[in-house]
Amino acid sequence: MTALRCCGVLLAAWLIGASMAVAEDQPSAAQMMDDLMYGRGPIGGHFTLTDHTGRLRSDTEFRGRLMIVYFGYTFCPDVCPTDLQAITIALNALGPLARQVQPIFITIDPERDTKVLAEYISAFHPSLIGLTGSPAEIRQVANAYKAYYTKIGDERTEAYSIDHAGVIYLMGRNGEYLGFMPPQTSPERLTEVLRTHLAK
């Protein structure tokens, strides 16, 4: 599947999600996708969140390394674990170079995820850091990255899922935005992209 087609599929998924539920305090799915696709406005920025061990972590700690940022949630049935596994395989393929890359998983479901975050990320690359915070803190960071997500509830029960973008963000050694990769990007492609930027 070409990158253009992948982005088209992604946009369609976001628009469907947006029609099913309206998220608070964020731009529309279409606007966020447009901003990502065409580089409109800043993407990323400073954050301080709590990691899976209870320690406060800031993006500035990772200067000098590339940073992979992924927004997801532990109850995600397919996209999140698939993408995190692809990131794990890509980092393993880099060998010693992987020490120059910091993968970060930011939960978009802090109400359910905070207590299980450490166990969840232990299934993936050992350098993966899980981050959580208050719903307002998470929303602020997600908006800065133009990462769309919204809860979709079941009126008959208290259960809910989260419609989300599943975009893999790549940030540079100085915290600058380098680009994004769509959901289900192959480990081989991730490895190729990381090697290209590590060589610069």
N, C-alpha and C. Protein backbone atom coordinates (compact mmCIF):
# COMPACT_ATOMS: atom_id res chain seq x y z
N MET A 1 0.84 -1.19 0.00
CA MET A 1 0.00 0.00 0.00
C MET A 1 0.88 1.25 0.00
N THR A 2 0.60 2.18 -0.87
CA THR A 2 1.40 3.38 -0.96
C THR A 2 1.14 4.27 0.24
N ALA A 3 2.10 5.20 0.50
CA ALA A 3 1.93 6.12 1.63
C ALA A 3 0.68 6.97 1.45
N LEU A 4 0.41 7.40 0.20
CA LEU A 4 -0.76 8.23 -0.07
C LEU A 4 -2.04 7.47 0.21
N ARG A 5 -2.06 6.20 -0.19
CA ARG A 5 -3.25 5.40 0.04
C ARG A 5 -3.44 5.14 1.53
N CYS A 6 -2.32 4.87 2.25
CA CYS A 6 -2.39 4.67 3.69
C CYS A 6 -2.99 5.88 4.37
N CYS A 7 -2.53 7.08 3.95
CA CYS A 7 -3.03 8.30 4.56
C CYS A 7 -4.50 8.51 4.23
N GLY A 8 -4.91 8.09 3.03
CA GLY A 8 -6.31 8.18 2.67
C GLY A 8 -7.17 7.29 3.53
N VAL A 9 -6.69 6.07 3.79
CA VAL A 9 -7.40 5.14 4.66
C VAL A 9 -7.48 5.70 6.07
N LEU A 10 -6.35 6.27 6.52
CA LEU A 10 -6.31 6.86 7.85
C LEU A 10 -7.31 8.00 7.99
N LEU A 11 -7.36 8.88 6.98
CA LEU A 11 -8.28 10.00 7.03
C LEU A 11 -9.72 9.51 7.07
N ALA A 12 -10.03 8.49 6.27
CA ALA A 12 -11.39 7.95 6.27
C ALA A 12 -11.76 7.40 7.64
N ALA A 13 -10.81 6.70 8.27
CA ALA A 13 -11.08 6.14 9.60
C ALA A 13 -11.32 7.24 10.61
N TRP A 14 -10.52 8.31 10.51
CA TRP A 14 -10.69 9.42 11.44
C TRP A 14 -12.05 10.09 11.25
N LEU A 15 -12.49 10.26 10.01
CA LEU A 15 -13.76 10.92 9.75
C LEU A 15 -14.92 10.07 10.25
N ILE A 16 -14.80 8.76 10.11
CA ILE A 16 -15.85 7.86 10.62
C ILE A 16 -15.93 7.99 12.13
N GLY A 17 -14.75 7.98 12.77
CA GLY A 17 -14.71 8.10 14.22
C GLY A 17 -15.31 9.42 14.68
N ALA A 18 -15.02 10.46 13.96
CA ALA A 18 -15.52 11.78 14.34
C ALA A 18 -17.02 11.85 14.23
N SER A 19 -17.60 11.12 13.28
CA SER A 19 -19.05 11.15 13.13
C SER A 19 -19.75 10.34 14.20
N MET A 20 -19.02 9.38 14.81
CA MET A 20 -19.62 8.53 15.84
C MET A 20 -19.64 9.21 17.20
N ALA A 21 -18.63 10.03 17.47
CA ALA A 21 -18.56 10.69 18.77
C ALA A 21 -17.74 11.96 18.63
N VAL A 22 -18.10 12.96 19.41
CA VAL A 22 -17.39 14.23 19.34
C VAL A 22 -16.50 14.35 20.57
N ALA A 23 -15.19 14.51 20.36
CA ALA A 23 -14.28 14.66 21.49
C ALA A 23 -14.27 16.11 21.94
N GLU A 24 -14.03 16.29 23.23
CA GLU A 24 -14.00 17.64 23.78
C GLU A 24 -12.60 18.22 23.64
N ASP A 25 -12.55 19.53 23.47
CA ASP A 25 -11.31 20.28 23.56
C ASP A 25 -10.26 19.84 22.54
N GLN A 26 -10.67 19.49 21.36
CA GLN A 26 -9.69 19.19 20.32
C GLN A 26 -10.27 19.58 18.96
N PRO A 27 -9.39 19.89 18.02
CA PRO A 27 -9.86 20.16 16.66
C PRO A 27 -10.49 18.90 16.06
N SER A 28 -11.14 19.06 14.93
CA SER A 28 -11.76 17.91 14.27
C SER A 28 -10.70 16.95 13.75
N ALA A 29 -11.12 15.72 13.52
CA ALA A 29 -10.21 14.72 12.96
C ALA A 29 -9.66 15.17 11.62
N ALA A 30 -10.54 15.73 10.78
CA ALA A 30 -10.10 16.17 9.45
C ALA A 30 -9.07 17.29 9.54
N GLN A 31 -9.30 18.24 10.45
CA GLN A 31 -8.36 19.34 10.59
C GLN A 31 -7.00 18.84 11.07
N MET A 32 -7.01 17.92 12.04
CA MET A 32 -5.74 17.40 12.57
C MET A 32 -4.98 16.62 11.50
N MET A 33 -5.72 15.86 10.70
CA MET A 33 -5.07 15.10 9.64
C MET A 33 -4.49 16.04 8.59
N ASP A 34 -5.23 17.07 8.25
CA ASP A 34 -4.73 18.07 7.29
C ASP A 34 -3.46 18.73 7.81
N ASP A 35 -3.47 19.09 9.09
CA ASP A 35 -2.30 19.74 9.68
C ASP A 35 -1.08 18.83 9.62
N LEU A 36 -1.30 17.54 9.88
CA LEU A 36 -0.19 16.59 9.81
C LEU A 36 0.29 16.41 8.37
N MET A 37 -0.64 16.21 7.48
CA MET A 37 -0.29 15.94 6.08
C MET A 37 0.48 17.08 5.44
N TYR A 38 0.07 18.31 5.77
CA TYR A 38 0.64 19.47 5.09
C TYR A 38 1.55 20.30 5.99
N GLY A 39 1.87 19.78 7.18
CA GLY A 39 2.80 20.47 8.06
C GLY A 39 2.33 21.84 8.50
N ARG A 40 1.04 21.96 8.79
CA ARG A 40 0.49 23.25 9.20
C ARG A 40 0.63 23.43 10.70
N GLY A 41 1.38 24.43 11.09
CA GLY A 41 1.56 24.72 12.50
C GLY A 41 2.56 23.79 13.15
N PRO A 42 2.96 24.11 14.38
CA PRO A 42 3.93 23.26 15.08
C PRO A 42 3.33 21.92 15.46
N ILE A 43 4.17 20.91 15.49
CA ILE A 43 3.76 19.57 15.90
C ILE A 43 4.73 19.09 16.97
N GLY A 44 4.19 18.68 18.11
CA GLY A 44 5.02 18.27 19.23
C GLY A 44 5.20 19.43 20.19
N GLY A 45 6.23 19.31 21.01
CA GLY A 45 6.47 20.37 21.98
C GLY A 45 6.76 19.81 23.36
N HIS A 46 6.93 20.72 24.30
CA HIS A 46 7.32 20.33 25.65
C HIS A 46 6.20 19.60 26.37
N PHE A 47 6.56 18.57 27.14
CA PHE A 47 5.60 17.91 28.03
C PHE A 47 6.32 17.39 29.27
N THR A 48 5.57 17.29 30.35
CA THR A 48 6.01 16.62 31.56
C THR A 48 4.88 15.73 32.02
N LEU A 49 5.11 14.42 32.01
CA LEU A 49 4.10 13.45 32.39
C LEU A 49 4.73 12.44 33.35
N THR A 50 3.92 11.55 33.89
CA THR A 50 4.38 10.56 34.86
C THR A 50 4.62 9.23 34.17
N ASP A 51 5.78 8.62 34.41
CA ASP A 51 6.07 7.36 33.73
C ASP A 51 5.48 6.17 34.49
N HIS A 52 5.69 4.98 33.95
CA HIS A 52 5.07 3.76 34.48
C HIS A 52 5.61 3.37 35.86
N THR A 53 6.67 4.05 36.32
CA THR A 53 7.20 3.79 37.66
C THR A 53 6.78 4.87 38.65
N GLY A 54 6.03 5.88 38.18
CA GLY A 54 5.60 6.95 39.04
C GLY A 54 6.51 8.16 39.03
N ARG A 55 7.50 8.16 38.16
CA ARG A 55 8.47 9.26 38.09
C ARG A 55 8.06 10.28 37.04
N LEU A 56 8.21 11.57 37.37
CA LEU A 56 7.94 12.62 36.39
C LEU A 56 9.03 12.60 35.31
N ARG A 57 8.59 12.65 34.05
CA ARG A 57 9.53 12.64 32.93
C ARG A 57 9.20 13.78 31.97
N SER A 58 10.24 14.41 31.45
CA SER A 58 10.08 15.51 30.51
C SER A 58 10.71 15.16 29.18
N ASP A 59 10.17 15.71 28.11
CA ASP A 59 10.74 15.46 26.79
C ASP A 59 12.18 15.94 26.70
N THR A 60 12.55 16.93 27.50
CA THR A 60 13.92 17.47 27.43
C THR A 60 14.97 16.47 27.90
N GLU A 61 14.55 15.43 28.64
CA GLU A 61 15.48 14.39 29.07
C GLU A 61 16.07 13.62 27.90
N PHE A 62 15.39 13.63 26.79
CA PHE A 62 15.77 12.76 25.68
C PHE A 62 16.50 13.49 24.57
N ARG A 63 16.96 14.70 24.84
CA ARG A 63 17.72 15.43 23.84
C ARG A 63 19.01 14.65 23.51
N GLY A 64 19.38 14.69 22.25
CA GLY A 64 20.53 13.93 21.78
C GLY A 64 20.14 12.58 21.21
N ARG A 65 18.87 12.19 21.41
CA ARG A 65 18.35 10.95 20.84
C ARG A 65 17.15 11.25 19.96
N LEU A 66 16.90 10.38 19.00
CA LEU A 66 15.62 10.43 18.30
C LEU A 66 14.55 9.96 19.27
N MET A 67 13.34 10.43 19.09
CA MET A 67 12.25 10.04 19.97
C MET A 67 11.08 9.55 19.12
N ILE A 68 10.64 8.33 19.39
CA ILE A 68 9.42 7.80 18.79
C ILE A 68 8.29 8.03 19.79
N VAL A 69 7.24 8.70 19.37
CA VAL A 69 6.11 8.98 20.26
C VAL A 69 4.87 8.31 19.69
N TYR A 70 4.21 7.53 20.55
CA TYR A 70 3.01 6.80 20.11
C TYR A 70 1.91 7.00 21.15
N PHE A 71 0.73 7.43 20.69
CA PHE A 71 -0.43 7.60 21.55
C PHE A 71 -1.35 6.40 21.39
N GLY A 72 -1.64 5.72 22.49
CA GLY A 72 -2.50 4.55 22.41
C GLY A 72 -3.07 4.20 23.77
N TYR A 73 -3.64 3.02 23.88
CA TYR A 73 -4.19 2.61 25.17
C TYR A 73 -4.11 1.09 25.31
N THR A 74 -4.02 0.62 26.54
CA THR A 74 -3.72 -0.79 26.78
C THR A 74 -4.87 -1.71 26.41
N PHE A 75 -6.09 -1.20 26.39
CA PHE A 75 -7.24 -2.03 26.04
C PHE A 75 -7.45 -2.10 24.52
N CYS A 76 -6.61 -1.42 23.77
CA CYS A 76 -6.71 -1.46 22.30
C CYS A 76 -6.51 -2.89 21.82
N PRO A 77 -7.46 -3.43 21.05
CA PRO A 77 -7.39 -4.85 20.70
C PRO A 77 -6.41 -5.22 19.60
N ASP A 78 -6.02 -4.27 18.75
CA ASP A 78 -5.21 -4.69 17.61
C ASP A 78 -4.16 -3.67 17.17
N VAL A 79 -4.56 -2.44 16.84
CA VAL A 79 -3.64 -1.48 16.24
C VAL A 79 -2.46 -1.17 17.16
N CYS A 80 -2.75 -0.85 18.44
CA CYS A 80 -1.67 -0.47 19.36
C CYS A 80 -0.64 -1.58 19.55
N PRO A 81 -1.06 -2.80 19.92
CA PRO A 81 -0.05 -3.83 20.10
C PRO A 81 0.70 -4.17 18.82
N THR A 82 0.02 -4.08 17.68
CA THR A 82 0.70 -4.34 16.40
C THR A 82 1.77 -3.30 16.14
N ASP A 83 1.44 -2.03 16.34
CA ASP A 83 2.42 -0.96 16.10
C ASP A 83 3.56 -1.00 17.11
N LEU A 84 3.26 -1.26 18.37
CA LEU A 84 4.32 -1.34 19.38
C LEU A 84 5.24 -2.52 19.12
N GLN A 85 4.69 -3.60 18.61
CA GLN A 85 5.53 -4.74 18.26
C GLN A 85 6.42 -4.41 17.06
N ALA A 86 5.88 -3.66 16.10
CA ALA A 86 6.68 -3.24 14.95
C ALA A 86 7.83 -2.34 15.39
N ILE A 87 7.54 -1.43 16.33
CA ILE A 87 8.59 -0.56 16.88
C ILE A 87 9.65 -1.40 17.58
N THR A 88 9.22 -2.41 18.33
CA THR A 88 10.15 -3.29 19.03
C THR A 88 11.06 -4.02 18.05
N ILE A 89 10.49 -4.56 17.00
CA ILE A 89 11.27 -5.30 15.99
C ILE A 89 12.26 -4.36 15.31
N ALA A 90 11.80 -3.14 14.99
CA ALA A 90 12.68 -2.18 14.34
C ALA A 90 13.86 -1.81 15.23
N LEU A 91 13.61 -1.58 16.51
CA LEU A 91 14.69 -1.25 17.43
C LEU A 91 15.66 -2.42 17.60
N ASN A 92 15.12 -3.62 17.67
CA ASN A 92 16.00 -4.79 17.75
C ASN A 92 16.88 -4.91 16.51
N ALA A 93 16.32 -4.56 15.36
CA ALA A 93 17.08 -4.65 14.11
C ALA A 93 18.21 -3.63 14.07
N LEU A 94 18.07 -2.54 14.80
CA LEU A 94 19.11 -1.51 14.81
C LEU A 94 20.33 -1.91 15.64
N GLY A 95 20.17 -2.89 16.51
CA GLY A 95 21.29 -3.31 17.34
C GLY A 95 21.73 -2.18 18.27
N PRO A 96 23.04 -1.96 18.40
CA PRO A 96 23.54 -0.91 19.31
C PRO A 96 23.03 0.49 18.97
N LEU A 97 22.66 0.73 17.71
CA LEU A 97 22.14 2.05 17.35
C LEU A 97 20.83 2.38 18.05
N ALA A 98 20.13 1.36 18.53
CA ALA A 98 18.84 1.58 19.21
C ALA A 98 19.01 2.42 20.47
N ARG A 99 20.22 2.46 21.02
CA ARG A 99 20.45 3.28 22.21
C ARG A 99 20.31 4.77 21.90
N GLN A 100 20.33 5.12 20.61
CA GLN A 100 20.16 6.51 20.20
C GLN A 100 18.70 6.86 19.90
N VAL A 101 17.80 5.94 20.24
CA VAL A 101 16.36 6.15 19.99
C VAL A 101 15.59 5.90 21.28
N GLN A 102 14.71 6.82 21.63
CA GLN A 102 13.87 6.64 22.81
C GLN A 102 12.41 6.47 22.40
N PRO A 103 11.86 5.24 22.54
CA PRO A 103 10.44 5.05 22.25
C PRO A 103 9.58 5.41 23.46
N ILE A 104 8.47 6.09 23.20
CA ILE A 104 7.57 6.55 24.26
C ILE A 104 6.13 6.20 23.89
N PHE A 105 5.43 5.60 24.84
CA PHE A 105 4.01 5.28 24.70
C PHE A 105 3.24 6.19 25.65
N ILE A 106 2.36 7.04 25.11
CA ILE A 106 1.55 7.93 25.93
C ILE A 106 0.11 7.43 25.92
N THR A 107 -0.40 7.06 27.09
CA THR A 107 -1.76 6.54 27.13
C THR A 107 -2.78 7.64 26.89
N ILE A 108 -3.80 7.32 26.13
CA ILE A 108 -4.92 8.23 25.92
C ILE A 108 -6.12 7.79 26.76
N ASP A 109 -5.86 6.83 27.66
CA ASP A 109 -6.91 6.29 28.53
C ASP A 109 -6.37 6.20 29.96
N PRO A 110 -5.96 7.35 30.53
CA PRO A 110 -5.30 7.29 31.84
C PRO A 110 -6.17 6.73 32.95
N GLU A 111 -7.49 6.87 32.83
CA GLU A 111 -8.37 6.36 33.88
C GLU A 111 -8.21 4.85 34.07
N ARG A 112 -8.07 4.12 32.98
CA ARG A 112 -7.92 2.67 33.08
C ARG A 112 -6.47 2.21 33.04
N ASP A 113 -5.62 2.99 32.37
CA ASP A 113 -4.28 2.49 32.06
C ASP A 113 -3.23 2.71 33.14
N THR A 114 -3.39 3.73 33.95
CA THR A 114 -2.31 4.10 34.87
C THR A 114 -1.84 2.93 35.73
N LYS A 115 -2.77 2.12 36.23
CA LYS A 115 -2.41 1.01 37.12
C LYS A 115 -1.80 -0.18 36.39
N VAL A 116 -2.03 -0.28 35.10
CA VAL A 116 -1.54 -1.46 34.36
C VAL A 116 -0.46 -1.11 33.34
N LEU A 117 -0.04 0.15 33.33
CA LEU A 117 0.89 0.62 32.30
C LEU A 117 2.22 -0.12 32.34
N ALA A 118 2.77 -0.32 33.54
CA ALA A 118 4.08 -0.98 33.67
C ALA A 118 4.02 -2.40 33.12
N GLU A 119 2.99 -3.13 33.47
CA GLU A 119 2.85 -4.51 32.98
C GLU A 119 2.68 -4.54 31.47
N TYR A 120 1.91 -3.61 30.95
CA TYR A 120 1.63 -3.59 29.51
C TYR A 120 2.89 -3.36 28.69
N ILE A 121 3.65 -2.32 29.03
CA ILE A 121 4.81 -2.01 28.20
C ILE A 121 5.93 -3.02 28.36
N SER A 122 5.88 -3.85 29.42
CA SER A 122 6.92 -4.87 29.61
C SER A 122 6.90 -5.91 28.50
N ALA A 123 5.81 -5.96 27.74
CA ALA A 123 5.70 -6.92 26.65
C ALA A 123 6.44 -6.47 25.40
N PHE A 124 6.97 -5.24 25.42
CA PHE A 124 7.59 -4.68 24.22
C PHE A 124 9.07 -4.36 24.48
N HIS A 125 9.65 -3.48 23.71
CA HIS A 125 11.08 -3.23 23.82
C HIS A 125 11.43 -2.72 25.22
N PRO A 126 12.55 -3.21 25.80
CA PRO A 126 12.87 -2.82 27.18
C PRO A 126 13.12 -1.33 27.38
N SER A 127 13.42 -0.60 26.32
CA SER A 127 13.64 0.84 26.48
C SER A 127 12.35 1.66 26.40
N LEU A 128 11.22 1.00 26.11
CA LEU A 128 9.95 1.72 25.98
C LEU A 128 9.54 2.32 27.32
N ILE A 129 9.19 3.60 27.30
CA ILE A 129 8.70 4.29 28.49
C ILE A 129 7.21 4.56 28.31
N GLY A 130 6.42 4.18 29.31
CA GLY A 130 4.99 4.48 29.29
C GLY A 130 4.72 5.74 30.08
N LEU A 131 3.93 6.64 29.54
CA LEU A 131 3.63 7.91 30.20
C LEU A 131 2.13 8.08 30.39
N THR A 132 1.77 8.66 31.54
CA THR A 132 0.37 8.93 31.85
C THR A 132 0.27 10.27 32.55
N GLY A 133 -0.95 10.69 32.81
CA GLY A 133 -1.20 11.96 33.48
C GLY A 133 -2.69 12.12 33.66
N SER A 134 -3.12 13.30 34.02
CA SER A 134 -4.55 13.56 34.12
C SER A 134 -5.14 13.61 32.72
N PRO A 135 -6.44 13.38 32.58
CA PRO A 135 -7.06 13.51 31.25
C PRO A 135 -6.76 14.85 30.58
N ALA A 136 -6.76 15.94 31.35
CA ALA A 136 -6.47 17.25 30.77
C ALA A 136 -5.03 17.35 30.29
N GLU A 137 -4.09 16.78 31.05
CA GLU A 137 -2.69 16.80 30.64
C GLU A 137 -2.47 16.00 29.36
N ILE A 138 -3.10 14.83 29.31
CA ILE A 138 -2.97 13.98 28.12
C ILE A 138 -3.57 14.68 26.90
N ARG A 139 -4.72 15.30 27.08
CA ARG A 139 -5.36 15.99 25.96
C ARG A 139 -4.47 17.12 25.45
N GLN A 140 -3.85 17.84 26.35
CA GLN A 140 -2.97 18.95 25.95
C GLN A 140 -1.80 18.45 25.11
N VAL A 141 -1.17 17.38 25.55
CA VAL A 141 -0.03 16.83 24.81
C VAL A 141 -0.49 16.28 23.47
N ALA A 142 -1.60 15.54 23.47
CA ALA A 142 -2.12 14.97 22.23
C ALA A 142 -2.46 16.06 21.22
N ASN A 143 -3.08 17.14 21.68
CA ASN A 143 -3.39 18.24 20.77
C ASN A 143 -2.14 18.85 20.18
N ALA A 144 -1.09 18.95 21.00
CA ALA A 144 0.17 19.51 20.50
C ALA A 144 0.76 18.66 19.38
N TYR A 145 0.54 17.34 19.47
CA TYR A 145 1.02 16.42 18.44
C TYR A 145 -0.01 16.20 17.33
N LYS A 146 -1.16 16.83 17.47
CA LYS A 146 -2.26 16.65 16.52
C LYS A 146 -2.66 15.16 16.46
N ALA A 147 -2.75 14.57 17.64
CA ALA A 147 -3.11 13.16 17.77
C ALA A 147 -4.58 13.05 18.16
N TYR A 148 -5.40 12.68 17.22
CA TYR A 148 -6.84 12.61 17.43
C TYR A 148 -7.22 11.37 18.24
N TYR A 149 -8.13 11.54 19.21
CA TYR A 149 -8.75 10.39 19.88
C TYR A 149 -10.06 10.83 20.53
N THR A 150 -10.98 9.89 20.63
CA THR A 150 -12.26 10.17 21.28
C THR A 150 -12.85 8.87 21.81
N LYS A 151 -13.52 8.96 22.96
CA LYS A 151 -14.17 7.80 23.55
C LYS A 151 -15.45 7.47 22.80
N ILE A 152 -15.71 6.19 22.65
CA ILE A 152 -16.97 5.73 22.08
C ILE A 152 -17.59 4.78 23.09
N GLY A 153 -18.68 5.22 23.72
CA GLY A 153 -19.29 4.44 24.78
C GLY A 153 -20.44 3.58 24.30
N ASP A 154 -20.74 2.56 25.09
CA ASP A 154 -21.89 1.70 24.86
C ASP A 154 -22.98 2.16 25.83
N GLU A 155 -24.10 2.64 25.29
CA GLU A 155 -25.16 3.19 26.13
C GLU A 155 -25.75 2.14 27.07
N ARG A 156 -25.63 0.87 26.72
CA ARG A 156 -26.22 -0.17 27.56
C ARG A 156 -25.32 -0.58 28.71
N THR A 157 -24.05 -0.29 28.60
CA THR A 157 -23.10 -0.65 29.64
C THR A 157 -22.18 0.55 29.88
N GLU A 158 -21.27 0.39 30.82
CA GLU A 158 -20.29 1.44 31.08
C GLU A 158 -19.02 1.23 30.27
N ALA A 159 -19.01 0.22 29.44
CA ALA A 159 -17.82 -0.09 28.65
C ALA A 159 -17.63 0.97 27.56
N TYR A 160 -16.39 1.15 27.15
CA TYR A 160 -16.10 2.07 26.06
C TYR A 160 -14.83 1.65 25.35
N SER A 161 -14.71 2.09 24.12
CA SER A 161 -13.47 1.94 23.37
C SER A 161 -13.00 3.35 23.01
N ILE A 162 -11.85 3.44 22.39
CA ILE A 162 -11.34 4.75 22.02
C ILE A 162 -10.94 4.72 20.55
N ASP A 163 -11.58 5.58 19.79
CA ASP A 163 -11.20 5.76 18.39
C ASP A 163 -9.99 6.68 18.37
N HIS A 164 -8.92 6.27 17.73
CA HIS A 164 -7.71 7.08 17.76
C HIS A 164 -6.90 6.90 16.49
N ALA A 165 -5.94 7.80 16.30
CA ALA A 165 -5.22 7.87 15.03
C ALA A 165 -4.20 6.76 14.84
N GLY A 166 -3.48 6.40 15.89
CA GLY A 166 -2.46 5.36 15.77
C GLY A 166 -1.25 5.78 14.94
N VAL A 167 -0.97 7.07 14.94
CA VAL A 167 0.17 7.58 14.16
C VAL A 167 1.46 7.41 14.96
N ILE A 168 2.54 7.08 14.27
CA ILE A 168 3.87 6.96 14.88
C ILE A 168 4.63 8.25 14.56
N TYR A 169 4.94 9.03 15.60
CA TYR A 169 5.64 10.30 15.42
C TYR A 169 7.14 10.10 15.62
N LEU A 170 7.92 10.78 14.80
CA LEU A 170 9.38 10.75 14.95
C LEU A 170 9.87 12.16 15.22
N MET A 171 10.56 12.31 16.35
CA MET A 171 11.09 13.60 16.76
C MET A 171 12.62 13.55 16.71
N GLY A 172 13.23 14.70 16.40
CA GLY A 172 14.68 14.76 16.23
C GLY A 172 15.45 14.90 17.53
N ARG A 173 16.76 14.95 17.40
CA ARG A 173 17.64 14.99 18.57
C ARG A 173 17.45 16.24 19.40
N ASN A 174 16.93 17.29 18.81
CA ASN A 174 16.68 18.54 19.54
C ASN A 174 15.20 18.74 19.84
N GLY A 175 14.42 17.68 19.69
CA GLY A 175 13.00 17.76 19.96
C GLY A 175 12.16 18.24 18.81
N GLU A 176 12.79 18.45 17.64
CA GLU A 176 12.04 18.95 16.48
C GLU A 176 11.25 17.82 15.82
N TYR A 177 10.14 18.18 15.22
CA TYR A 177 9.30 17.20 14.52
C TYR A 177 9.94 16.82 13.19
N LEU A 178 10.10 15.51 12.97
CA LEU A 178 10.69 15.02 11.73
C LEU A 178 9.65 14.46 10.76
N GLY A 179 8.57 13.93 11.29
CA GLY A 179 7.55 13.36 10.42
C GLY A 179 6.75 12.30 11.14
N PHE A 180 5.79 11.72 10.43
CA PHE A 180 4.99 10.65 11.01
C PHE A 180 4.90 9.48 10.06
N MET A 181 4.61 8.32 10.63
CA MET A 181 4.37 7.11 9.85
C MET A 181 2.98 6.60 10.20
N PRO A 182 2.24 6.13 9.22
CA PRO A 182 0.86 5.71 9.47
C PRO A 182 0.79 4.42 10.27
N PRO A 183 -0.39 4.12 10.82
CA PRO A 183 -0.57 2.87 11.55
C PRO A 183 -0.18 1.67 10.69
N GLN A 184 0.33 0.66 11.36
CA GLN A 184 0.71 -0.61 10.73
C GLN A 184 1.82 -0.43 9.69
N THR A 185 2.67 0.56 9.90
CA THR A 185 3.91 0.63 9.11
C THR A 185 4.75 -0.59 9.45
N SER A 186 5.36 -1.19 8.46
CA SER A 186 6.11 -2.43 8.69
C SER A 186 7.37 -2.17 9.50
N PRO A 187 7.84 -3.16 10.25
CA PRO A 187 9.10 -3.01 10.98
C PRO A 187 10.26 -2.66 10.06
N GLU A 188 10.26 -3.23 8.85
CA GLU A 188 11.33 -2.96 7.90
C GLU A 188 11.36 -1.50 7.50
N ARG A 189 10.18 -0.92 7.28
CA ARG A 189 10.10 0.49 6.91
C ARG A 189 10.53 1.37 8.08
N LEU A 190 10.09 1.02 9.28
CA LEU A 190 10.49 1.78 10.46
C LEU A 190 12.00 1.75 10.64
N THR A 191 12.58 0.59 10.45
CA THR A 191 14.03 0.46 10.58
C THR A 191 14.74 1.34 9.56
N GLU A 192 14.24 1.32 8.32
CA GLU A 192 14.83 2.14 7.25
C GLU A 192 14.77 3.62 7.59
N VAL A 193 13.61 4.09 8.06
CA VAL A 193 13.45 5.50 8.40
C VAL A 193 14.38 5.90 9.56
N LEU A 194 14.45 5.05 10.57
CA LEU A 194 15.30 5.34 11.73
C LEU A 194 16.77 5.38 11.32
N ARG A 195 17.19 4.43 10.51
CA ARG A 195 18.59 4.41 10.07
C ARG A 195 18.94 5.69 9.28
N THR A 196 18.00 6.13 8.45
CA THR A 196 18.24 7.35 7.66
C THR A 196 18.48 8.55 8.57
N HIS A 197 17.64 8.69 9.59
CA HIS A 197 17.77 9.85 10.46
C HIS A 197 18.96 9.71 11.42
N LEU A 198 19.27 8.50 11.83
CA LEU A 198 20.42 8.30 12.70
C LEU A 198 21.73 8.61 12.00
N ALA A 199 21.74 8.46 10.68
CA ALA A 199 22.96 8.71 9.91
C ALA A 199 23.22 10.19 9.70
N LYS A 200 22.28 11.05 10.00
CA LYS A 200 22.42 12.47 9.76
C LYS A 200 23.20 13.14 10.89
